[in-house]
Amino acid sequence: MNKIHVSVADWRKDIDEIRRIREAVFIAEQSVPPELEWDADDAGAMHFLAFEGDFPIGTARLLPSGEIGRVSVLKDWRGLKVGDKLMEAVIGQAEKRGQTRQFLSAQVYAAPFYERLGFKIISDEFLEVGIPHVDMVREG
């Protein structure tokens, strides 16, 4: 396996790769309706792409508010620390921007992953697009 690396993406230039990953993970695998996956926040967000070599395998976004979202890794690359590298890049950029408090809504099964990165659960479980979630926050 080639070295995994993460870079800040350009929404306009990289939209096809970002969409390919999010459609595979959220729409195809998790049955999220397309109209709920794509929102107005994408245009103003900072986007990230994780690559193996030059092939995009994961993505995430950071909103101006410090909210992290749409963290997704293609199925064949899960368990290889791609999510860790993505989140390290997102948190690093947030802190560079002075956003010492980051927050997200995590699918319940993924909450332990985010807890390892310093996030704490701050809500009861709730359903979002039919999937159990919890709100989480990280104070840098």
C-alpha atoms as a PDB file:
ATOM      1  CA  MET A   1       0.000   0.000   0.000  1.00  0.00           C
ATOM      2  CA  ASN A   2       1.239   3.465  -0.876  1.00  0.00           C
ATOM      3  CA  LYS A   3       1.556   6.133   1.749  1.00  0.00           C
ATOM      4  CA  ILE A   4      -1.738   7.802   2.633  1.00  0.00           C
ATOM      5  CA  HIS A   5      -1.715  11.587   2.535  1.00  0.00           C
ATOM      6  CA  VAL A   6      -4.345  14.292   3.023  1.00  0.00           C
ATOM      7  CA  SER A   7      -4.618  17.674   1.382  1.00  0.00           C
ATOM      8  CA  VAL A   8      -7.010  20.590   1.401  1.00  0.00           C
ATOM      9  CA  ALA A   9      -9.295  20.242  -1.605  1.00  0.00           C
ATOM     10  CA  ASP A  10     -10.773  22.846  -3.904  1.00  0.00           C
ATOM     11  CA  TRP A  11     -14.560  22.352  -3.966  1.00  0.00           C
ATOM     12  CA  ARG A  12     -14.902  23.568  -7.563  1.00  0.00           C
ATOM     13  CA  LYS A  13     -11.915  21.627  -8.905  1.00  0.00           C
ATOM     14  CA  ASP A  14     -12.326  18.461  -6.809  1.00  0.00           C
ATOM     15  CA  ILE A  15     -16.128  18.235  -6.681  1.00  0.00           C
ATOM     16  CA  ASP A  16     -16.254  15.069  -8.807  1.00  0.00           C
ATOM     17  CA  GLU A  17     -13.915  13.144  -6.480  1.00  0.00           C
ATOM     18  CA  ILE A  18     -15.620  14.443  -3.329  1.00  0.00           C
ATOM     19  CA  ARG A  19     -19.023  13.503  -4.740  1.00  0.00           C
ATOM     20  CA  ARG A  20     -17.794  10.040  -5.811  1.00  0.00           C
ATOM     21  CA  ILE A  21     -16.642   9.229  -2.279  1.00  0.00           C
ATOM     22  CA  ARG A  22     -19.667  10.673  -0.475  1.00  0.00           C
ATOM     23  CA  GLU A  23     -22.100   9.030  -2.894  1.00  0.00           C
ATOM     24  CA  ALA A  24     -20.427   5.639  -2.363  1.00  0.00           C
ATOM     25  CA  VAL A  25     -20.427   5.925   1.437  1.00  0.00           C
ATOM     26  CA  PHE A  26     -23.546   7.873   2.352  1.00  0.00           C
ATOM     27  CA  ILE A  27     -25.949   7.339  -0.549  1.00  0.00           C
ATOM     28  CA  ALA A  28     -25.062   3.813  -1.754  1.00  0.00           C
ATOM     29  CA  GLU A  29     -23.961   2.177   1.528  1.00  0.00           C
ATOM     30  CA  GLN A  30     -26.069   4.028   4.090  1.00  0.00           C
ATOM     31  CA  SER A  31     -29.112   4.909   1.959  1.00  0.00           C
ATOM     32  CA  VAL A  32     -28.991   8.635   2.718  1.00  0.00           C
ATOM     33  CA  PRO A  33     -31.305  10.403   0.240  1.00  0.00           C
ATOM     34  CA  PRO A  34     -29.236  12.462  -2.245  1.00  0.00           C
ATOM     35  CA  GLU A  35     -31.252  15.597  -1.484  1.00  0.00           C
ATOM     36  CA  LEU A  36     -30.112  15.369   2.158  1.00  0.00           C
ATOM     37  CA  GLU A  37     -26.465  14.640   1.351  1.00  0.00           C
ATOM     38  CA  TRP A  38     -25.874  17.734  -0.767  1.00  0.00           C
ATOM     39  CA  ASP A  39     -26.455  21.073   0.938  1.00  0.00           C
ATOM     40  CA  ALA A  40     -25.590  24.745   0.646  1.00  0.00           C
ATOM     41  CA  ASP A  41     -22.818  24.358   3.259  1.00  0.00           C
ATOM     42  CA  ASP A  42     -20.509  22.642   0.765  1.00  0.00           C
ATOM     43  CA  ALA A  43     -19.783  25.841  -1.171  1.00  0.00           C
ATOM     44  CA  GLY A  44     -18.450  27.691   1.900  1.00  0.00           C
ATOM     45  CA  ALA A  45     -16.719  24.755   3.573  1.00  0.00           C
ATOM     46  CA  MET A  46     -13.046  23.816   3.577  1.00  0.00           C
ATOM     47  CA  HIS A  47     -12.868  20.349   2.021  1.00  0.00           C
ATOM     48  CA  PHE A  48     -10.224  17.663   2.469  1.00  0.00           C
ATOM     49  CA  LEU A  49      -9.262  14.659   0.373  1.00  0.00           C
ATOM     50  CA  ALA A  50      -7.278  11.638   1.544  1.00  0.00           C
ATOM     51  CA  PHE A  51      -5.270   9.872  -1.141  1.00  0.00           C
ATOM     52  CA  GLU A  52      -3.486   6.583  -1.597  1.00  0.00           C
ATOM     53  CA  GLY A  53      -0.918   7.640  -4.159  1.00  0.00           C
ATOM     54  CA  ASP A  54      -2.946   9.903  -6.412  1.00  0.00           C
ATOM     55  CA  PHE A  55      -6.282   8.087  -5.912  1.00  0.00           C
ATOM     56  CA  PRO A  56      -8.801   9.864  -3.617  1.00  0.00           C
ATOM     57  CA  ILE A  57     -10.118   7.465  -0.966  1.00  0.00           C
ATOM     58  CA  GLY A  58     -11.637   9.698   1.714  1.00  0.00           C
ATOM     59  CA  THR A  59     -13.049  13.137   2.333  1.00  0.00           C
ATOM     60  CA  ALA A  60     -14.268  15.476   5.072  1.00  0.00           C
ATOM     61  CA  ARG A  61     -15.354  19.085   5.394  1.00  0.00           C
ATOM     62  CA  LEU A  62     -14.883  21.891   7.912  1.00  0.00           C
ATOM     63  CA  LEU A  63     -17.460  24.664   8.162  1.00  0.00           C
ATOM     64  CA  PRO A  64     -16.588  28.237   9.201  1.00  0.00           C
ATOM     65  CA  SER A  65     -18.373  27.554  12.523  1.00  0.00           C
ATOM     66  CA  GLY A  66     -15.907  24.780  13.419  1.00  0.00           C
ATOM     67  CA  GLU A  67     -18.364  22.017  12.565  1.00  0.00           C
ATOM     68  CA  ILE A  68     -16.749  18.948  11.001  1.00  0.00           C
ATOM     69  CA  GLY A  69     -18.850  16.776   8.744  1.00  0.00           C
ATOM     70  CA  ARG A  70     -19.190  14.377   5.864  1.00  0.00           C
ATOM     71  CA  VAL A  71     -16.193  12.373   7.087  1.00  0.00           C
ATOM     72  CA  SER A  72     -16.109   9.364   4.780  1.00  0.00           C
ATOM     73  CA  VAL A  73     -13.635   6.712   3.667  1.00  0.00           C
ATOM     74  CA  LEU A  74     -14.224   4.235   0.856  1.00  0.00           C
ATOM     75  CA  LYS A  75     -14.970   0.730   2.138  1.00  0.00           C
ATOM     76  CA  ASP A  76     -11.771  -0.925   0.846  1.00  0.00           C
ATOM     77  CA  TRP A  77      -9.583   1.541   2.770  1.00  0.00           C
ATOM     78  CA  ARG A  78     -11.294   1.401   6.168  1.00  0.00           C
ATOM     79  CA  GLY A  79      -9.246   0.153   9.090  1.00  0.00           C
ATOM     80  CA  LEU A  80      -6.045   1.591   7.607  1.00  0.00           C
ATOM     81  CA  LYS A  81      -5.984   4.837   9.656  1.00  0.00           C
ATOM     82  CA  VAL A  82      -7.275   6.933   6.738  1.00  0.00           C
ATOM     83  CA  GLY A  83      -9.924   8.440   9.020  1.00  0.00           C
ATOM     84  CA  ASP A  84      -7.260   9.325  11.590  1.00  0.00           C
ATOM     85  CA  LYS A  85      -5.191  11.126   8.970  1.00  0.00           C
ATOM     86  CA  LEU A  86      -8.248  12.962   7.629  1.00  0.00           C
ATOM     87  CA  MET A  87      -9.299  14.098  11.091  1.00  0.00           C
ATOM     88  CA  GLU A  88      -5.752  15.161  12.039  1.00  0.00           C
ATOM     89  CA  ALA A  89      -5.714  17.386   8.935  1.00  0.00           C
ATOM     90  CA  VAL A  90      -9.173  18.821   9.636  1.00  0.00           C
ATOM     91  CA  ILE A  91      -8.411  19.510  13.314  1.00  0.00           C
ATOM     92  CA  GLY A  92      -5.049  21.029  12.368  1.00  0.00           C
ATOM     93  CA  GLN A  93      -6.685  23.425   9.899  1.00  0.00           C
ATOM     94  CA  ALA A  94      -9.433  24.302  12.388  1.00  0.00           C
ATOM     95  CA  GLU A  95      -6.849  25.168  15.035  1.00  0.00           C
ATOM     96  CA  LYS A  96      -4.826  27.172  12.489  1.00  0.00           C
ATOM     97  CA  ARG A  97      -7.981  29.192  11.857  1.00  0.00           C
ATOM     98  CA  GLY A  98      -8.405  29.801  15.590  1.00  0.00           C
ATOM     99  CA  GLN A  99     -11.271  27.317  15.906  1.00  0.00           C
ATOM    100  CA  THR A 100     -10.136  25.678  19.138  1.00  0.00           C
ATOM    101  CA  ARG A 101     -13.605  24.174  19.599  1.00  0.00           C
ATOM    102  CA  GLN A 102     -14.668  21.697  16.938  1.00  0.00           C
ATOM    103  CA  PHE A 103     -17.950  19.838  16.910  1.00  0.00           C
ATOM    104  CA  LEU A 104     -19.716  17.181  14.868  1.00  0.00           C
ATOM    105  CA  SER A 105     -22.661  14.816  14.775  1.00  0.00           C
ATOM    106  CA  ALA A 106     -21.299  11.279  14.733  1.00  0.00           C
ATOM    107  CA  GLN A 107     -23.004   8.070  13.819  1.00  0.00           C
ATOM    108  CA  VAL A 108     -23.187   6.154  17.098  1.00  0.00           C
ATOM    109  CA  TYR A 109     -21.027   3.281  15.841  1.00  0.00           C
ATOM    110  CA  ALA A 110     -18.253   5.814  15.029  1.00  0.00           C
ATOM    111  CA  ALA A 111     -18.343   7.653  18.384  1.00  0.00           C
ATOM    112  CA  PRO A 112     -15.408   5.624  19.849  1.00  0.00           C
ATOM    113  CA  PHE A 113     -13.267   6.668  16.848  1.00  0.00           C
ATOM    114  CA  TYR A 114     -13.945  10.341  17.574  1.00  0.00           C
ATOM    115  CA  GLU A 115     -13.455   9.840  21.326  1.00  0.00           C
ATOM    116  CA  ARG A 116      -9.923   8.572  20.594  1.00  0.00           C
ATOM    117  CA  LEU A 117      -9.320  11.932  18.893  1.00  0.00           C
ATOM    118  CA  GLY A 118     -10.430  13.901  21.950  1.00  0.00           C
ATOM    119  CA  PHE A 119     -14.127  14.416  21.192  1.00  0.00           C
ATOM    120  CA  LYS A 120     -16.699  14.035  23.975  1.00  0.00           C
ATOM    121  CA  ILE A 121     -20.357  13.078  23.600  1.00  0.00           C
ATOM    122  CA  ILE A 122     -22.600  16.003  24.582  1.00  0.00           C
ATOM    123  CA  SER A 123     -26.072  14.762  23.614  1.00  0.00           C
ATOM    124  CA  ASP A 124     -28.409  11.867  23.916  1.00  0.00           C
ATOM    125  CA  GLU A 125     -28.709   9.599  20.920  1.00  0.00           C
ATOM    126  CA  PHE A 126     -30.947  10.912  18.123  1.00  0.00           C
ATOM    127  CA  LEU A 127     -31.909   9.861  14.613  1.00  0.00           C
ATOM    128  CA  GLU A 128     -30.621  11.738  11.588  1.00  0.00           C
ATOM    129  CA  VAL A 129     -31.776  10.369   8.215  1.00  0.00           C
ATOM    130  CA  GLY A 130     -32.800   7.224  10.082  1.00  0.00           C
ATOM    131  CA  ILE A 131     -29.288   6.625  11.478  1.00  0.00           C
ATOM    132  CA  PRO A 132     -28.514   6.897  15.241  1.00  0.00           C
ATOM    133  CA  HIS A 133     -26.203   9.861  15.966  1.00  0.00           C
ATOM    134  CA  VAL A 134     -24.735  11.759  18.922  1.00  0.00           C
ATOM    135  CA  ASP A 135     -23.387  15.292  19.051  1.00  0.00           C
ATOM    136  CA  MET A 136     -19.721  15.541  20.031  1.00  0.00           C
ATOM    137  CA  VAL A 137     -17.313  18.365  20.827  1.00  0.00           C
ATOM    138  CA  ARG A 138     -13.545  18.739  21.096  1.00  0.00           C
ATOM    139  CA  GLU A 139     -11.933  21.638  22.945  1.00  0.00           C
ATOM    140  CA  GLY A 140      -8.377  22.179  21.684  1.00  0.00           C
END
